[in-house]
């Protein structure tokens, strides 16, 4: 149906949707009624995209008053007989209102109050139906009406994007600076501006977005701006965005990008980077641990991985620090092995022995062969009655 809409054949799409709706009703009639009753609410939600397509096709077909009444009757009938039929309330509303519903006409002319394009209280699907109408108006080049309707329906971001597409980019940016409070809303508008060739406007708006909201909500905007600013030769802005990206979420990628661009100035700025990592260490991630390893800040990495066993970086940290901190590295290996062996989890003895093998190698490389032999002897004595485990320990 959407393909037919794209080809300018909404009336053919209407026939297709009618056949699909009838087939759904007939198919459901062959299913268990108790099952259908239990799943009615779920099916109503599943049918919402179907209802949106119905609405767009009906509003695109330029139906006569008589045709609209005929489709209204069919939709009313289907609503009463199909599972999830309440979803058809949206296309039913669309065909009843058409394009000559007085509050809608007034809203598209810029004459509206807090109720927007509705005479009374707006239905739950008001936003979705507004988006359907806006797509049609945009496709027909009726930008002024679309802008007014988007504003009337509280579709602020869509309204701003329509202003850009209508060639009113400076107005869109001015309003965006006043109205948008979430950096995640700034990003799509900045993208639209760049796509329309308004590079400086888009980059400057994105820079403004980095002053909005909580730091974590700036991540996507900061990463996007970092790349776009650099590719358009605005290196200072790219660095500003890179710092914001690291503050929002210190990933290895964000760390490496910043370090590679700072080059000779890295040592000057390194304390600031480490301060950002320290502030995020209350909620550690594997990325933070890997950055500590890259900076050879082994004690910090060791403390984080030891205090937060759910992280997945233990083996990486053990390998990285084993030469400098062999005792700590061995203890981690031994602890994991002991947890398995002491609890008698026979199915995981091979995992335990693998951990011990890694611990053995760490001690041997550290010149502690005698210590290893003593530990091995203690383990053989302790677990001598575990006939599956003992031969595996003897092979170490």
Protein backbone atom coordinates (compact mmCIF):
# COMPACT_ATOMS: atom_id res chain seq x y z
CA UNK A 1 0.00 0.00 0.00
CA UNK A 2 2.84 2.39 0.81
CA UNK A 3 4.49 1.55 -2.50
CA UNK A 4 1.26 2.36 -4.31
CA UNK A 5 1.09 5.67 -2.44
CA UNK A 6 4.62 6.48 -3.59
CA UNK A 7 3.54 5.75 -7.16
CA UNK A 8 0.60 8.16 -6.84
CA UNK A 9 -2.06 5.41 -6.82
CA UNK A 10 -3.95 5.86 -3.52
CA UNK A 11 -7.22 4.50 -4.93
CA UNK A 12 -5.56 1.21 -5.86
CA UNK A 13 -4.05 1.18 -2.37
CA UNK A 14 -7.57 1.55 -0.94
CA UNK A 15 -8.67 -1.65 -2.69
CA UNK A 16 -5.62 -3.46 -1.39
CA UNK A 17 -6.22 -2.31 2.20
CA UNK A 18 -9.89 -3.29 1.97
CA UNK A 19 -8.92 -6.80 0.81
CA UNK A 20 -6.33 -7.08 3.60
CA UNK A 21 -8.83 -5.97 6.26
CA UNK A 22 -11.47 -8.46 5.08
CA UNK A 23 -8.84 -11.22 4.98
CA UNK A 24 -7.80 -10.37 8.55
CA UNK A 25 -11.40 -10.56 9.77
CA UNK A 26 -12.04 -13.86 7.99
CA UNK A 27 -8.75 -15.33 9.19
CA UNK A 28 -9.41 -14.37 12.79
CA UNK A 29 -12.89 -15.90 12.63
CA UNK A 30 -11.26 -19.32 12.27
CA UNK A 31 -9.28 -18.94 15.50
CA UNK A 32 -10.29 -19.81 19.05
CA UNK A 33 -12.54 -17.08 20.45
CA UNK A 34 -11.03 -17.16 23.94
CA UNK A 35 -7.57 -16.67 22.46
CA UNK A 36 -8.83 -13.76 20.37
CA UNK A 37 -10.47 -12.11 23.37
CA UNK A 38 -7.24 -12.39 25.35
CA UNK A 39 -5.13 -10.95 22.52
CA UNK A 40 -7.48 -8.12 21.45
CA UNK A 41 -5.53 -5.35 23.20
CA UNK A 42 -2.22 -6.61 21.85
CA UNK A 43 -3.60 -6.81 18.32
CA UNK A 44 -4.93 -3.27 18.55
CA UNK A 45 -1.38 -2.09 19.25
CA UNK A 46 0.07 -4.29 16.51
CA UNK A 47 -2.38 -2.82 14.00
CA UNK A 48 -1.42 0.81 14.62
CA UNK A 49 1.00 1.01 11.64
CA UNK A 50 -1.75 -0.56 9.50
CA UNK A 51 -4.15 2.13 10.75
CA UNK A 52 -1.65 4.87 9.88
CA UNK A 53 -1.34 3.56 6.35
CA UNK A 54 -5.15 3.41 6.07
CA UNK A 55 -5.34 7.04 7.20
CA UNK A 56 -2.70 8.23 4.74
CA UNK A 57 -4.31 6.42 1.83
CA UNK A 58 -7.78 7.80 2.63
CA UNK A 59 -6.46 11.36 2.94
CA UNK A 60 -4.40 11.05 -0.24
CA UNK A 61 -7.22 9.77 -2.42
CA UNK A 62 -9.15 13.10 -2.71
CA UNK A 63 -12.45 11.34 -2.12
CA UNK A 64 -15.83 12.91 -2.84
CA UNK A 65 -18.30 13.44 0.01
CA UNK A 66 -20.24 10.38 -1.13
CA UNK A 67 -17.12 8.21 -1.27
CA UNK A 68 -16.09 9.36 2.17
CA UNK A 69 -19.45 8.32 3.61
CA UNK A 70 -19.13 4.89 1.97
CA UNK A 71 -15.68 4.31 3.46
CA UNK A 72 -16.87 5.62 6.81
CA UNK A 73 -19.63 3.00 6.88
CA UNK A 74 -17.19 0.22 5.97
CA UNK A 75 -14.72 1.25 8.65
CA UNK A 76 -17.47 1.42 11.28
CA UNK A 77 -18.61 -2.06 10.32
CA UNK A 78 -15.08 -3.50 10.45
CA UNK A 79 -14.40 -1.90 13.84
CA UNK A 80 -17.29 -3.87 15.30
CA UNK A 81 -16.28 -7.21 13.78
CA UNK A 82 -12.49 -7.41 13.74
CA UNK A 83 -10.02 -8.22 16.49
CA UNK A 84 -8.10 -5.05 17.34
CA UNK A 85 -10.75 -3.07 15.51
CA UNK A 86 -10.32 -0.05 17.79
CA UNK A 87 -7.15 0.71 15.82
CA UNK A 88 -9.38 1.75 12.91
CA UNK A 89 -10.57 4.76 14.95
CA UNK A 90 -7.71 6.71 13.37
CA UNK A 91 -8.62 6.15 9.68
CA UNK A 92 -12.30 6.55 10.59
CA UNK A 93 -11.51 9.97 12.05
CA UNK A 94 -9.38 10.81 9.01
CA UNK A 95 -12.14 10.01 6.51
CA UNK A 96 -14.78 11.82 8.58
CA UNK A 97 -12.70 14.97 8.81
CA UNK A 98 -11.12 14.85 5.38
CA UNK A 99 -9.41 18.15 4.67
CA UNK A 100 -12.43 20.38 5.31
CA UNK A 101 -12.84 19.83 9.08
CA UNK A 102 -13.20 23.45 10.31
CA UNK A 103 -10.65 23.35 13.17
CA UNK A 104 -8.17 21.68 10.80
CA UNK A 105 -8.70 24.30 8.10
CA UNK A 106 -8.23 27.08 10.65
CA UNK A 107 -5.07 25.47 12.05
CA UNK A 108 -3.52 25.15 8.58
CA UNK A 109 -4.14 28.89 8.12
CA UNK A 110 -2.37 29.66 11.39
CA UNK A 111 -5.56 30.30 13.39
CA UNK A 112 -5.56 27.96 16.38
CA UNK A 113 -5.61 27.84 20.17
CA UNK A 114 -4.34 25.29 22.70
CA UNK A 115 -6.68 22.64 21.27
CA UNK A 116 -4.74 22.70 18.00
CA UNK A 117 -6.61 21.19 15.07
CA UNK A 118 -9.37 19.68 17.23
CA UNK A 119 -12.80 20.91 18.21
CA UNK A 120 -12.73 19.13 21.57
CA UNK A 121 -10.21 16.97 23.35
CA UNK A 122 -7.64 15.43 21.02
CA UNK A 123 -7.73 11.61 20.71
CA UNK A 124 -4.76 9.42 21.73
CA UNK A 125 -3.69 9.06 18.10
CA UNK A 126 -3.64 12.82 17.41
CA UNK A 127 0.14 12.98 16.98
CA UNK A 128 0.23 10.04 14.57
CA UNK A 129 -2.64 11.45 12.49
CA UNK A 130 -0.94 14.84 12.41
CA UNK A 131 2.22 13.20 11.07
CA UNK A 132 0.16 11.52 8.35
CA UNK A 133 -1.33 14.86 7.30
CA UNK A 134 2.07 16.55 7.41
CA UNK A 135 3.59 13.93 5.10
CA UNK A 136 0.84 14.52 2.58
CA UNK A 137 1.07 18.32 2.75
CA UNK A 138 4.85 18.17 2.39
CA UNK A 139 4.59 15.82 -0.61
CA UNK A 140 2.21 18.29 -2.23
CA UNK A 141 4.49 21.24 -1.57
CA UNK A 142 2.02 22.93 0.77
CA UNK A 143 4.71 23.98 3.22
CA UNK A 144 3.01 26.99 4.79
CA UNK A 145 -0.03 24.92 5.74
CA UNK A 146 2.18 22.09 6.99
CA UNK A 147 4.21 24.49 9.15
CA UNK A 148 1.06 25.95 10.69
CA UNK A 149 -0.42 22.50 11.34
CA UNK A 150 2.79 21.20 12.91
CA UNK A 151 2.88 24.21 15.22
CA UNK A 152 -0.81 23.83 16.09
CA UNK A 153 -0.32 20.16 16.97
CA UNK A 154 2.77 20.78 19.07
CA UNK A 155 5.05 19.01 16.58
CA UNK A 156 7.84 21.49 17.24
CA UNK A 157 10.76 19.58 15.75
CA UNK A 158 8.77 18.72 12.62
CA UNK A 159 7.73 22.36 12.34
CA UNK A 160 11.37 23.49 12.47
CA UNK A 161 12.46 20.91 9.89
CA UNK A 162 9.66 22.03 7.59
CA UNK A 163 10.87 25.63 7.93
CA UNK A 164 14.32 24.51 6.78
CA UNK A 165 12.89 22.57 3.84
CA UNK A 166 10.78 25.61 2.92
CA UNK A 167 13.93 27.74 2.66
CA UNK A 168 13.47 29.50 6.00
CA UNK A 169 16.57 28.12 7.70
CA UNK A 170 17.51 31.22 9.68
CA UNK A 171 13.98 31.43 11.10
CA UNK A 172 14.15 27.73 11.99
CA UNK A 173 17.48 28.13 13.81
CA UNK A 174 16.28 31.23 15.67
CA UNK A 175 13.17 29.41 16.88
CA UNK A 176 15.14 26.25 17.69
CA UNK A 177 17.45 28.19 20.00
CA UNK A 178 14.40 29.45 21.87
CA UNK A 179 12.24 26.31 21.89
CA UNK A 180 14.44 23.21 21.96
CA UNK A 181 15.72 22.11 25.36
CA UNK A 182 16.94 18.62 24.54
CA UNK A 183 20.21 18.07 22.63
CA UNK A 184 18.73 14.90 21.16
CA UNK A 185 16.13 17.07 19.41
CA UNK A 186 18.80 19.44 18.10
CA UNK A 187 20.65 16.65 16.28
CA UNK A 188 18.04 15.82 13.58
CA UNK A 189 17.53 19.51 12.83
CA UNK A 190 21.28 20.11 12.55
CA UNK A 191 21.50 17.14 10.20
CA UNK A 192 18.69 18.55 8.05
CA UNK A 193 20.48 21.89 7.83
CA UNK A 194 23.69 20.23 6.62
CA UNK A 195 21.78 18.13 4.11
CA UNK A 196 20.27 21.37 2.74
CA UNK A 197 23.70 22.97 2.40
CA UNK A 198 23.33 25.26 5.43
CA UNK A 199 26.60 24.04 6.92
CA UNK A 200 27.51 26.89 9.27
CA UNK A 201 23.95 27.24 10.54
CA UNK A 202 23.80 23.51 11.23
CA UNK A 203 27.17 23.35 13.00
CA UNK A 204 26.48 26.44 15.08
CA UNK A 205 23.08 25.10 16.13
CA UNK A 206 24.71 21.81 17.11
CA UNK A 207 27.27 23.74 19.18
CA UNK A 208 24.37 25.46 20.95
CA UNK A 209 22.83 22.04 21.59
CA UNK A 210 25.94 21.05 23.57
CA UNK A 211 24.92 23.59 26.21
CA UNK A 212 21.51 21.95 26.74
CA UNK A 213 20.31 19.14 28.99
CA UNK A 214 22.23 16.56 30.95
CA UNK A 215 25.72 15.60 29.76
CA UNK A 216 24.75 12.01 28.86
CA UNK A 217 22.02 13.27 26.52
CA UNK A 218 24.62 15.22 24.51
CA UNK A 219 26.60 12.13 23.48
CA UNK A 220 25.13 11.49 20.02
CA UNK A 221 25.10 15.19 19.17
CA UNK A 222 28.70 15.65 20.37
CA UNK A 223 30.01 12.66 18.39
CA UNK A 224 28.18 13.80 15.25
CA UNK A 225 29.38 17.39 15.58
CA UNK A 226 32.96 16.25 16.21
CA UNK A 227 33.08 14.42 12.87
CA UNK A 228 31.15 17.02 10.86
CA UNK A 229 33.06 20.00 12.21
CA UNK A 230 36.40 18.37 11.43
CA UNK A 231 35.32 17.38 7.92
CA UNK A 232 34.28 21.01 7.25
CA UNK A 233 37.52 22.47 8.54
CA UNK A 234 36.24 23.78 11.88
CA UNK A 235 38.87 22.07 14.01
CA UNK A 236 38.35 24.14 17.14
CA UNK A 237 34.65 23.29 17.18
CA UNK A 238 35.53 19.63 16.54
CA UNK A 239 37.77 19.62 19.63
CA UNK A 240 35.05 21.28 21.70
CA UNK A 241 32.61 18.57 20.63
CA UNK A 242 35.21 15.87 21.33
CA UNK A 243 35.58 17.05 24.92
CA UNK A 244 31.79 17.00 25.33
CA UNK A 245 31.62 13.47 23.92
CA UNK A 246 34.23 12.29 26.42
CA UNK A 247 32.41 14.00 29.31
CA UNK A 248 29.11 12.44 28.22
CA UNK A 249 30.49 8.92 27.92
CA UNK A 250 34.21 8.11 28.06
CA UNK A 251 34.52 5.39 25.46
CA UNK A 252 37.82 4.18 24.06
CA UNK A 253 36.86 5.68 20.70
CA UNK A 254 36.15 9.09 22.23
CA UNK A 255 39.40 8.95 24.21
CA UNK A 256 41.51 7.95 21.20
CA UNK A 257 39.94 10.58 18.95
CA UNK A 258 40.76 13.34 21.42
CA UNK A 259 44.27 12.10 22.14
CA UNK A 260 45.12 11.79 18.45
CA UNK A 261 44.04 15.38 17.72
CA UNK A 262 45.71 16.94 20.74
CA UNK A 263 49.03 15.32 19.81
CA UNK A 264 51.82 17.37 21.41
CA UNK A 265 49.40 19.05 23.78
CA UNK A 266 48.24 15.72 25.20
CA UNK A 267 50.40 15.93 28.31
CA UNK A 268 48.93 19.34 29.12
CA UNK A 269 45.36 18.07 28.82
CA UNK A 270 45.89 14.55 30.21
CA UNK A 271 45.00 15.54 33.81
CA UNK A 272 41.64 16.87 32.59
CA UNK A 273 40.96 13.59 30.81
CA UNK A 274 41.86 11.60 33.91
CA UNK A 275 39.60 13.80 36.01
CA UNK A 276 36.70 12.95 33.65
CA UNK A 277 37.47 9.24 34.02
CA UNK A 278 37.59 9.56 37.80
CA UNK A 279 34.17 11.20 37.88
CA UNK A 280 32.73 8.33 35.83
CA UNK A 281 34.40 5.62 37.92
CA UNK A 282 31.44 5.56 40.31
CA UNK A 283 29.62 3.80 37.44
CA UNK A 284 32.55 2.02 35.78
CA UNK A 285 32.50 0.51 32.33
CA UNK A 286 34.86 -1.75 30.43
CA UNK A 287 35.76 1.27 28.29
CA UNK A 288 37.04 3.19 31.32
CA UNK A 289 39.13 0.20 32.40
CA UNK A 290 40.60 -0.12 28.91
CA UNK A 291 41.50 3.58 28.88
CA UNK A 292 43.28 3.12 32.22
CA UNK A 293 45.21 0.25 30.67
CA UNK A 294 46.15 2.37 27.66
CA UNK A 295 47.39 5.04 30.05
CA UNK A 296 49.24 2.31 32.01
CA UNK A 297 47.31 3.34 35.11
CA UNK A 298 47.26 -0.25 36.31
CA UNK A 299 46.26 0.26 39.96
CA UNK A 300 43.12 2.17 38.89
CA UNK A 301 42.16 -0.55 36.40
CA UNK A 302 42.84 -3.27 38.97
CA UNK A 303 40.72 -1.54 41.61
CA UNK A 304 37.78 -1.10 39.25
CA UNK A 305 37.74 -4.64 37.93
CA UNK A 306 38.19 -6.13 41.39
CA UNK A 307 35.43 -4.02 42.91
CA UNK A 308 32.97 -4.59 40.05
CA UNK A 309 33.04 -8.30 39.19
CA UNK A 310 30.19 -8.01 36.66
CA UNK A 311 32.48 -6.16 34.24
CA UNK A 312 34.03 -8.24 31.47
CA UNK A 313 37.57 -6.87 31.55
CA UNK A 314 39.15 -9.13 34.19
CA UNK A 315 41.17 -11.29 31.82
CA UNK A 316 42.34 -8.27 29.84
CA UNK A 317 43.50 -6.54 33.03
CA UNK A 318 45.26 -9.69 34.30
CA UNK A 319 47.19 -10.01 31.03
CA UNK A 320 48.09 -6.31 31.00
CA UNK A 321 49.35 -6.08 34.61
CA UNK A 322 50.81 -9.54 35.21
CA UNK A 323 54.40 -8.46 34.58
CA UNK A 324 54.19 -5.49 36.97
CA UNK A 325 51.77 -6.94 39.53
CA UNK A 326 52.17 -10.73 39.38
CA UNK A 327 50.86 -11.33 42.91
CA UNK A 328 47.60 -9.50 42.23
CA UNK A 329 47.19 -11.15 38.84
CA UNK A 330 47.77 -14.62 40.32
CA UNK A 331 45.29 -13.98 43.16
CA UNK A 332 42.56 -13.17 40.65
CA UNK A 333 43.18 -16.37 38.72
CA UNK A 334 43.37 -18.47 41.89
CA UNK A 335 40.19 -16.94 43.32
CA UNK A 336 38.14 -17.82 40.20
CA UNK A 337 39.49 -21.36 40.18
CA UNK A 338 38.91 -21.84 43.92
CA UNK A 339 35.27 -20.69 43.65
CA UNK A 340 34.63 -23.57 41.25
CA UNK A 341 36.73 -26.25 42.92
CA UNK A 342 35.62 -25.56 46.49
CA UNK A 343 31.93 -25.69 45.55
CA UNK A 344 32.40 -28.98 43.70
CA UNK A 345 31.09 -27.74 40.34
CA UNK A 346 32.45 -30.71 38.41
CA UNK A 347 31.05 -29.55 35.09
CA UNK A 348 33.30 -26.47 35.30
CA UNK A 349 36.53 -28.06 36.52
CA UNK A 350 38.08 -27.45 33.09
CA UNK A 351 37.41 -23.72 33.53
CA UNK A 352 39.00 -23.80 36.98
CA UNK A 353 42.10 -25.57 35.65
CA UNK A 354 42.36 -23.03 32.82
CA UNK A 355 42.40 -20.24 35.41
CA UNK A 356 45.03 -22.09 37.41
CA UNK A 357 47.13 -22.62 34.29
CA UNK A 358 47.11 -18.92 33.62
CA UNK A 359 48.03 -18.23 37.25
CA UNK A 360 50.86 -20.78 37.05
CA UNK A 361 52.31 -19.05 33.96
CA UNK A 362 52.20 -15.69 35.75
CA UNK A 363 54.16 -17.03 38.72
CA UNK A 364 56.71 -18.85 36.54
CA UNK A 365 57.38 -15.71 34.50
CA UNK A 366 57.81 -13.82 37.77
CA UNK A 367 60.45 -16.34 38.89
CA UNK A 368 58.19 -17.87 41.57
CA UNK A 369 58.37 -21.53 40.53
CA UNK A 370 58.75 -22.77 44.10
CA UNK A 371 55.66 -20.88 45.18
CA UNK A 372 53.69 -22.47 42.36
CA UNK A 373 54.83 -25.96 43.27
CA UNK A 374 53.79 -25.38 46.88
CA UNK A 375 50.33 -24.13 45.83
CA UNK A 376 49.90 -27.05 43.45
CA UNK A 377 50.80 -29.49 46.24
CA UNK A 378 48.27 -27.90 48.58
CA UNK A 379 45.55 -28.15 45.92
CA UNK A 380 46.32 -31.83 45.24
CA UNK A 381 46.08 -32.57 48.95
CA UNK A 382 42.89 -30.54 49.44
CA UNK A 383 41.04 -32.05 46.46
CA UNK A 384 42.47 -35.59 46.52
CA UNK A 385 38.99 -37.15 46.80
CA UNK A 386 37.70 -35.34 43.69
CA UNK A 387 38.56 -38.04 41.19
CA UNK A 388 37.67 -35.92 38.17
CA UNK A 389 39.63 -32.87 39.32
CA UNK A 390 42.79 -34.48 40.70
CA UNK A 391 44.16 -35.80 37.36
CA UNK A 392 43.57 -32.39 35.82
CA UNK A 393 45.56 -30.74 38.62
CA UNK A 394 48.36 -33.27 38.25
CA UNK A 395 48.80 -32.31 34.58
CA UNK A 396 49.46 -28.68 35.51
